[in-house]
C-alpha atoms as a PDB file:
ATOM      1  CA  MET A   1      98.021  90.504 108.071  1.00  0.00           C
ATOM      2  CA  GLY A   2     101.798  90.847 108.143  1.00  0.00           C
ATOM      3  CA  ILE A   3     104.305  93.660 108.033  1.00  0.00           C
ATOM      4  CA  VAL A   4     104.782  95.090 104.548  1.00  0.00           C
ATOM      5  CA  ILE A   5     107.751  97.173 103.400  1.00  0.00           C
ATOM      6  CA  SER A   6     107.246  99.135 100.194  1.00  0.00           C
ATOM      7  CA  PRO A   7     110.315 101.285  99.415  1.00  0.00           C
ATOM      8  CA  SER A   8     109.679 104.401  97.373  1.00  0.00           C
ATOM      9  CA  ILE A   9     111.866 104.928  94.319  1.00  0.00           C
ATOM     10  CA  LEU A  10     111.278 108.685  94.477  1.00  0.00           C
ATOM     11  CA  ASN A  11     114.798 109.005  95.865  1.00  0.00           C
ATOM     12  CA  ALA A  12     116.331 106.359  93.615  1.00  0.00           C
ATOM     13  CA  ASP A  13     118.603 106.898  90.619  1.00  0.00           C
ATOM     14  CA  TYR A  14     116.167 107.382  87.741  1.00  0.00           C
ATOM     15  CA  LEU A  15     118.905 106.643  85.210  1.00  0.00           C
ATOM     16  CA  ASN A  16     119.225 103.152  86.663  1.00  0.00           C
ATOM     17  CA  LEU A  17     115.758 102.165  87.835  1.00  0.00           C
ATOM     18  CA  GLY A  18     116.284  98.497  87.045  1.00  0.00           C
ATOM     19  CA  GLY A  19     119.364  98.397  89.238  1.00  0.00           C
ATOM     20  CA  GLU A  20     117.677 100.422  91.945  1.00  0.00           C
ATOM     21  CA  VAL A  21     114.755  97.986  92.105  1.00  0.00           C
ATOM     22  CA  ALA A  22     117.253  95.118  92.262  1.00  0.00           C
ATOM     23  CA  ARG A  23     118.729  96.709  95.402  1.00  0.00           C
ATOM     24  CA  ILE A  24     115.391  96.192  97.205  1.00  0.00           C
ATOM     25  CA  SER A  25     114.675  92.645  96.043  1.00  0.00           C
ATOM     26  CA  ASN A  26     113.704  91.575  99.578  1.00  0.00           C
ATOM     27  CA  ALA A  27     110.965  94.225  99.776  1.00  0.00           C
ATOM     28  CA  ASP A  28     107.309  93.307  99.372  1.00  0.00           C
ATOM     29  CA  TYR A  29     106.533  95.948  96.734  1.00  0.00           C
ATOM     30  CA  VAL A  30     108.134  98.851  94.943  1.00  0.00           C
ATOM     31  CA  HIS A  31     106.330 102.095  95.734  1.00  0.00           C
ATOM     32  CA  VAL A  32     105.939 104.499  92.823  1.00  0.00           C
ATOM     33  CA  ASP A  33     104.956 108.126  93.404  1.00  0.00           C
ATOM     34  CA  VAL A  34     103.075 109.667  90.472  1.00  0.00           C
ATOM     35  CA  MET A  35     102.878 113.469  90.798  1.00  0.00           C
ATOM     36  CA  ASP A  36     101.374 115.953  88.358  1.00  0.00           C
ATOM     37  CA  ASN A  37     102.545 119.398  89.581  1.00  0.00           C
ATOM     38  CA  HIS A  38      98.889 120.286  90.203  1.00  0.00           C
ATOM     39  CA  PHE A  39      97.588 118.190  93.097  1.00  0.00           C
ATOM     40  CA  VAL A  40     101.068 118.535  94.617  1.00  0.00           C
ATOM     41  CA  PRO A  41     103.803 121.033  93.710  1.00  0.00           C
ATOM     42  CA  ALA A  42     106.090 118.467  92.121  1.00  0.00           C
ATOM     43  CA  LEU A  43     106.312 116.414  88.942  1.00  0.00           C
ATOM     44  CA  SER A  44     107.480 112.821  88.668  1.00  0.00           C
ATOM     45  CA  MET A  45     107.095 109.798  86.434  1.00  0.00           C
ATOM     46  CA  GLY A  46     104.014 108.993  84.398  1.00  0.00           C
ATOM     47  CA  ALA A  47     102.243 105.966  82.988  1.00  0.00           C
ATOM     48  CA  PRO A  48     104.978 104.802  80.542  1.00  0.00           C
ATOM     49  CA  THR A  49     107.596 104.518  83.287  1.00  0.00           C
ATOM     50  CA  VAL A  50     105.170 102.757  85.598  1.00  0.00           C
ATOM     51  CA  GLU A  51     104.226 100.356  82.824  1.00  0.00           C
ATOM     52  CA  ALA A  52     107.901  99.509  82.317  1.00  0.00           C
ATOM     53  CA  LEU A  53     108.267  98.795  86.033  1.00  0.00           C
ATOM     54  CA  VAL A  54     105.207  96.546  85.910  1.00  0.00           C
ATOM     55  CA  THR A  55     106.257  94.583  82.834  1.00  0.00           C
ATOM     56  CA  LYS A  56     110.026  94.445  83.310  1.00  0.00           C
ATOM     57  CA  GLY A  57     110.467  94.881  87.043  1.00  0.00           C
ATOM     58  CA  THR A  58     110.911  92.160  89.630  1.00  0.00           C
ATOM     59  CA  LEU A  59     108.550  93.454  92.333  1.00  0.00           C
ATOM     60  CA  PRO A  60     104.810  94.183  92.335  1.00  0.00           C
ATOM     61  CA  VAL A  61     104.117  97.892  91.871  1.00  0.00           C
ATOM     62  CA  ASP A  62     102.405  99.892  94.616  1.00  0.00           C
ATOM     63  CA  ALA A  63     101.303 103.080  92.845  1.00  0.00           C
ATOM     64  CA  HIS A  64     100.541 106.274  94.775  1.00  0.00           C
ATOM     65  CA  LEU A  65      98.691 108.773  92.610  1.00  0.00           C
ATOM     66  CA  MET A  66      99.244 112.312  93.845  1.00  0.00           C
ATOM     67  CA  ILE A  67      97.345 113.711  90.884  1.00  0.00           C
ATOM     68  CA  GLU A  68      94.120 115.490  90.054  1.00  0.00           C
ATOM     69  CA  ALA A  69      91.244 113.702  88.282  1.00  0.00           C
ATOM     70  CA  ALA A  70      91.808 110.449  90.155  1.00  0.00           C
ATOM     71  CA  ASP A  71      88.490 109.146  88.837  1.00  0.00           C
ATOM     72  CA  HIS A  72      90.030 109.128  85.379  1.00  0.00           C
ATOM     73  CA  TRP A  73      93.621 108.147  86.150  1.00  0.00           C
ATOM     74  CA  ALA A  74      93.344 105.449  88.820  1.00  0.00           C
ATOM     75  CA  PRO A  75      91.775 102.934  86.390  1.00  0.00           C
ATOM     76  CA  VAL A  76      94.542 103.701  83.890  1.00  0.00           C
ATOM     77  CA  PHE A  77      97.201 102.623  86.370  1.00  0.00           C
ATOM     78  CA  ALA A  78      95.174  99.608  87.457  1.00  0.00           C
ATOM     79  CA  ASP A  79      94.893  98.584  83.811  1.00  0.00           C
ATOM     80  CA  LEU A  80      98.691  98.829  83.492  1.00  0.00           C
ATOM     81  CA  GLY A  81      98.916  96.004  86.020  1.00  0.00           C
ATOM     82  CA  CYS A  82      99.826  97.804  89.236  1.00  0.00           C
ATOM     83  CA  TYR A  83      99.280  95.487  92.184  1.00  0.00           C
ATOM     84  CA  SER A  84      97.874  98.319  94.280  1.00  0.00           C
ATOM     85  CA  VAL A  85      96.599 101.778  93.326  1.00  0.00           C
ATOM     86  CA  SER A  86      96.296 104.513  95.951  1.00  0.00           C
ATOM     87  CA  PHE A  87      94.205 107.527  95.010  1.00  0.00           C
ATOM     88  CA  HIS A  88      93.545 110.556  97.185  1.00  0.00           C
ATOM     89  CA  ALA A  89      90.190 111.159  98.817  1.00  0.00           C
ATOM     90  CA  GLU A  90      90.707 114.845  98.047  1.00  0.00           C
ATOM     91  CA  ALA A  91      91.044 114.142  94.292  1.00  0.00           C
ATOM     92  CA  THR A  92      88.072 111.870  93.651  1.00  0.00           C
ATOM     93  CA  ALA A  93      84.382 112.716  93.352  1.00  0.00           C
ATOM     94  CA  ALA A  94      83.237 109.104  93.765  1.00  0.00           C
ATOM     95  CA  PRO A  95      85.638 107.035  95.904  1.00  0.00           C
ATOM     96  CA  VAL A  96      83.401 103.966  96.151  1.00  0.00           C
ATOM     97  CA  ARG A  97      82.727 103.814  92.441  1.00  0.00           C
ATOM     98  CA  LEU A  98      86.419 104.314  91.763  1.00  0.00           C
ATOM     99  CA  ALA A  99      87.468 101.575  94.186  1.00  0.00           C
ATOM    100  CA  ARG A 100      85.082  99.150  92.523  1.00  0.00           C
ATOM    101  CA  GLU A 101      86.426 100.043  89.083  1.00  0.00           C
ATOM    102  CA  VAL A 102      90.012  99.507  90.262  1.00  0.00           C
ATOM    103  CA  HIS A 103      88.990  96.131  91.682  1.00  0.00           C
ATOM    104  CA  LYS A 104      87.389  95.106  88.393  1.00  0.00           C
ATOM    105  CA  LEU A 105      90.707  95.764  86.685  1.00  0.00           C
ATOM    106  CA  GLY A 106      92.486  93.419  89.090  1.00  0.00           C
ATOM    107  CA  SER A 107      94.246  95.838  91.448  1.00  0.00           C
ATOM    108  CA  ARG A 108      93.944  96.495  95.156  1.00  0.00           C
ATOM    109  CA  ALA A 109      92.220  99.803  95.890  1.00  0.00           C
ATOM    110  CA  SER A 110      93.685 102.158  98.466  1.00  0.00           C
ATOM    111  CA  LEU A 111      92.305 105.449  99.754  1.00  0.00           C
ATOM    112  CA  ALA A 112      94.992 108.008 100.572  1.00  0.00           C
ATOM    113  CA  LEU A 113      94.474 110.845 103.065  1.00  0.00           C
ATOM    114  CA  ARG A 114      96.499 114.015 103.361  1.00  0.00           C
ATOM    115  CA  PRO A 115      97.476 114.956 106.947  1.00  0.00           C
ATOM    116  CA  ALA A 116      94.556 117.388 107.368  1.00  0.00           C
ATOM    117  CA  THR A 117      91.948 114.968 105.982  1.00  0.00           C
ATOM    118  CA  ASP A 118      89.957 113.212 108.703  1.00  0.00           C
ATOM    119  CA  ILE A 119      89.308 109.475 108.492  1.00  0.00           C
ATOM    120  CA  ALA A 120      85.844 109.881 110.078  1.00  0.00           C
ATOM    121  CA  PRO A 121      83.852 110.516 106.860  1.00  0.00           C
ATOM    122  CA  TYR A 122      85.271 107.334 105.354  1.00  0.00           C
ATOM    123  CA  ILE A 123      84.758 104.885 108.226  1.00  0.00           C
ATOM    124  CA  ASP A 124      81.532 103.506 106.756  1.00  0.00           C
ATOM    125  CA  LEU A 125      83.297 103.014 103.412  1.00  0.00           C
ATOM    126  CA  LEU A 126      86.076 100.792 104.785  1.00  0.00           C
ATOM    127  CA  PRO A 127      84.620  97.595 103.235  1.00  0.00           C
ATOM    128  CA  GLU A 128      85.265  99.092  99.787  1.00  0.00           C
ATOM    129  CA  PHE A 129      89.005  99.432 100.279  1.00  0.00           C
ATOM    130  CA  ASP A 130      91.943  97.104 100.719  1.00  0.00           C
ATOM    131  CA  MET A 131      94.122  99.744 102.318  1.00  0.00           C
ATOM    132  CA  ILE A 132      94.015 103.198 103.862  1.00  0.00           C
ATOM    133  CA  MET A 133      97.125 105.290 103.255  1.00  0.00           C
ATOM    134  CA  ILE A 134      97.761 107.872 105.954  1.00  0.00           C
ATOM    135  CA  MET A 135     100.222 110.516 104.840  1.00  0.00           C
ATOM    136  CA  THR A 136     102.658 111.267 107.642  1.00  0.00           C
ATOM    137  CA  VAL A 137     104.060 114.243 105.723  1.00  0.00           C
ATOM    138  CA  GLU A 138     102.496 116.719 103.335  1.00  0.00           C
ATOM    139  CA  PRO A 139     102.555 114.939  99.962  1.00  0.00           C
ATOM    140  CA  GLY A 140     104.812 116.107  97.189  1.00  0.00           C
ATOM    141  CA  TYR A 141     108.422 115.823  98.315  1.00  0.00           C
ATOM    142  CA  GLY A 142     110.640 113.107  99.742  1.00  0.00           C
ATOM    143  CA  GLY A 143     112.842 113.572 102.777  1.00  0.00           C
ATOM    144  CA  GLN A 144     110.336 115.353 105.020  1.00  0.00           C
ATOM    145  CA  LYS A 145     110.143 114.845 108.776  1.00  0.00           C
ATOM    146  CA  PHE A 146     107.610 112.333 110.099  1.00  0.00           C
ATOM    147  CA  LEU A 147     104.551 114.052 111.606  1.00  0.00           C
ATOM    148  CA  ASP A 148     103.960 112.500 115.024  1.00  0.00           C
ATOM    149  CA  VAL A 149     100.598 114.275 115.173  1.00  0.00           C
ATOM    150  CA  MET A 150      99.361 111.633 112.714  1.00  0.00           C
ATOM    151  CA  LEU A 151      99.761 108.814 115.261  1.00  0.00           C
ATOM    152  CA  PRO A 152      96.283 109.343 116.810  1.00  0.00           C
ATOM    153  CA  LYS A 153      94.794 109.245 113.318  1.00  0.00           C
ATOM    154  CA  ILE A 154      96.503 105.911 112.682  1.00  0.00           C
ATOM    155  CA  GLU A 155      95.142 104.626 115.990  1.00  0.00           C
ATOM    156  CA  ARG A 156      91.591 105.742 115.185  1.00  0.00           C
ATOM    157  CA  THR A 157      91.770 104.110 111.789  1.00  0.00           C
ATOM    158  CA  ARG A 158      93.086 100.825 113.191  1.00  0.00           C
ATOM    159  CA  GLU A 159      90.370 100.763 115.840  1.00  0.00           C
ATOM    160  CA  ALA A 160      87.691 101.355 113.196  1.00  0.00           C
ATOM    161  CA  ILE A 161      89.094  98.510 111.105  1.00  0.00           C
ATOM    162  CA  ARG A 162      89.133  96.195 114.125  1.00  0.00           C
ATOM    163  CA  ARG A 163      85.450  96.901 114.701  1.00  0.00           C
ATOM    164  CA  THR A 164      84.631  95.842 111.148  1.00  0.00           C
ATOM    165  CA  GLY A 165      86.647  92.631 111.339  1.00  0.00           C
ATOM    166  CA  LEU A 166      88.034  93.416 107.875  1.00  0.00           C
ATOM    167  CA  ASP A 167      91.554  92.765 106.621  1.00  0.00           C
ATOM    168  CA  VAL A 168      92.220  96.374 105.633  1.00  0.00           C
ATOM    169  CA  TRP A 169      95.848  97.446 105.693  1.00  0.00           C
ATOM    170  CA  ILE A 170      97.080 100.794 106.985  1.00  0.00           C
ATOM    171  CA  GLN A 171      99.975 102.249 105.052  1.00  0.00           C
ATOM    172  CA  VAL A 172     102.025 105.177 106.296  1.00  0.00           C
ATOM    173  CA  ASP A 173     103.972 107.276 103.842  1.00  0.00           C
ATOM    174  CA  GLY A 174     106.431 109.978 104.794  1.00  0.00           C
ATOM    175  CA  GLY A 175     109.451 110.160 107.082  1.00  0.00           C
ATOM    176  CA  VAL A 176     109.535 106.414 107.777  1.00  0.00           C
ATOM    177  CA  SER A 177     112.907 105.385 109.220  1.00  0.00           C
ATOM    178  CA  GLN A 178     114.419 103.343 112.031  1.00  0.00           C
ATOM    179  CA  GLU A 179     113.613 106.276 114.322  1.00  0.00           C
ATOM    180  CA  THR A 180     109.897 106.430 113.464  1.00  0.00           C
ATOM    181  CA  ILE A 181     108.687 103.042 112.245  1.00  0.00           C
ATOM    182  CA  GLU A 182     108.171 101.581 115.720  1.00  0.00           C
ATOM    183  CA  ARG A 183     105.806 104.396 116.721  1.00  0.00           C
ATOM    184  CA  ALA A 184     103.811 104.020 113.532  1.00  0.00           C
ATOM    185  CA  ALA A 185     103.577 100.252 113.942  1.00  0.00           C
ATOM    186  CA  ALA A 186     102.542 100.542 117.584  1.00  0.00           C
ATOM    187  CA  ALA A 187      99.767 102.906 116.499  1.00  0.00           C
ATOM    188  CA  GLY A 188      98.424 100.289 114.085  1.00  0.00           C
ATOM    189  CA  ALA A 189     100.153 100.694 110.729  1.00  0.00           C
ATOM    190  CA  ASN A 190     101.345  97.514 109.040  1.00  0.00           C
ATOM    191  CA  ASN A 191     102.485  98.793 105.633  1.00  0.00           C
ATOM    192  CA  PHE A 192     105.419 101.207 105.421  1.00  0.00           C
ATOM    193  CA  VAL A 193     106.715 103.370 102.602  1.00  0.00           C
ATOM    194  CA  ALA A 194     110.379 104.223 103.126  1.00  0.00           C
ATOM    195  CA  GLY A 195     112.341 106.220 100.595  1.00  0.00           C
ATOM    196  CA  LEU A 196     115.424 108.015 101.864  1.00  0.00           C
ATOM    197  CA  ALA A 197     115.910 105.555 104.726  1.00  0.00           C
ATOM    198  CA  VAL A 198     116.332 102.722 102.239  1.00  0.00           C
ATOM    199  CA  TYR A 199     118.044 104.382  99.290  1.00  0.00           C
ATOM    200  CA  ARG A 200     120.563 106.329 101.358  1.00  0.00           C
ATOM    201  CA  ALA A 201     121.557 103.199 103.258  1.00  0.00           C
ATOM    202  CA  GLU A 202     124.822 101.576 102.232  1.00  0.00           C
ATOM    203  CA  ASP A 203     122.993  98.244 102.105  1.00  0.00           C
ATOM    204  CA  ALA A 204     119.363  98.822 101.068  1.00  0.00           C
ATOM    205  CA  ALA A 205     118.362  95.192 101.586  1.00  0.00           C
ATOM    206  CA  ALA A 206     119.774  95.160 105.118  1.00  0.00           C
ATOM    207  CA  GLU A 207     117.904  98.386 105.883  1.00  0.00           C
ATOM    208  CA  ILE A 208     114.649  96.782 104.726  1.00  0.00           C
ATOM    209  CA  ASP A 209     115.273  93.805 107.017  1.00  0.00           C
ATOM    210  CA  THR A 210     115.934  96.134 109.945  1.00  0.00           C
ATOM    211  CA  LEU A 211     112.796  98.190 109.307  1.00  0.00           C
ATOM    212  CA  ARG A 212     110.710  95.026 109.022  1.00  0.00           C
ATOM    213  CA  ALA A 213     112.063  93.647 112.305  1.00  0.00           C
ATOM    214  CA  LEU A 214     111.444  96.929 114.166  1.00  0.00           C
ATOM    215  CA  ALA A 215     107.879  97.138 112.888  1.00  0.00           C
ATOM    216  CA  LEU A 216     107.160  93.495 113.639  1.00  0.00           C
ATOM    217  CA  ALA A 217     108.295  93.913 117.235  1.00  0.00           C
ATOM    218  CA  SER A 218     105.985  96.915 117.752  1.00  0.00           C
ATOM    219  CA  TYR A 219     102.862  95.995 115.784  1.00  0.00           C
ATOM    220  CA  HIS A 220      99.888  94.643 117.748  1.00  0.00           C
ATOM    221  CA  GLY A 221      97.168  94.846 115.076  1.00  0.00           C
END
């Protein structure tokens, strides 16, 4: 299990997505936030844009579905060819069934948790998932401050994964920057979504390299 950097294009130039993805060519994945103005109070891109990124882009797509009716929509995005599909525990009635359906369609299945959602009810379900996404901000908007109160939750999740012996990744999403990534990595996260930190940098690729190095030095998973 290595360090994974998955820059979010939420803060990219939507009129030049191809060029914006090219700026992060040294990243592991491109993170795509799909929001429906119902599950979260914001609206972003939908399936057609994601499909274009999958078919014409140069990086695997890491899709984060901040939408209602995840049981319906997660398989749609898996079928588009997204490498990984994160759906929220709060938006699915049957997380295990959904994870298995996403797997059948060839994508990694990730369970996302809002800050107030405890990991405890999902510990026994860890074998069904490839990744647990721990939101380190309230979902819906980019540029929010990293919530340090999520660090114990990351630690508890990493310890639970260690006990299983599984290769389950922990992704953190929200407020990831040079100032916060080391704390998140030390707590047990190995996959990092960074939006503003990357796209506001003069050299996005250099920022990715710096974030990766900081996380690598702090991670002890």
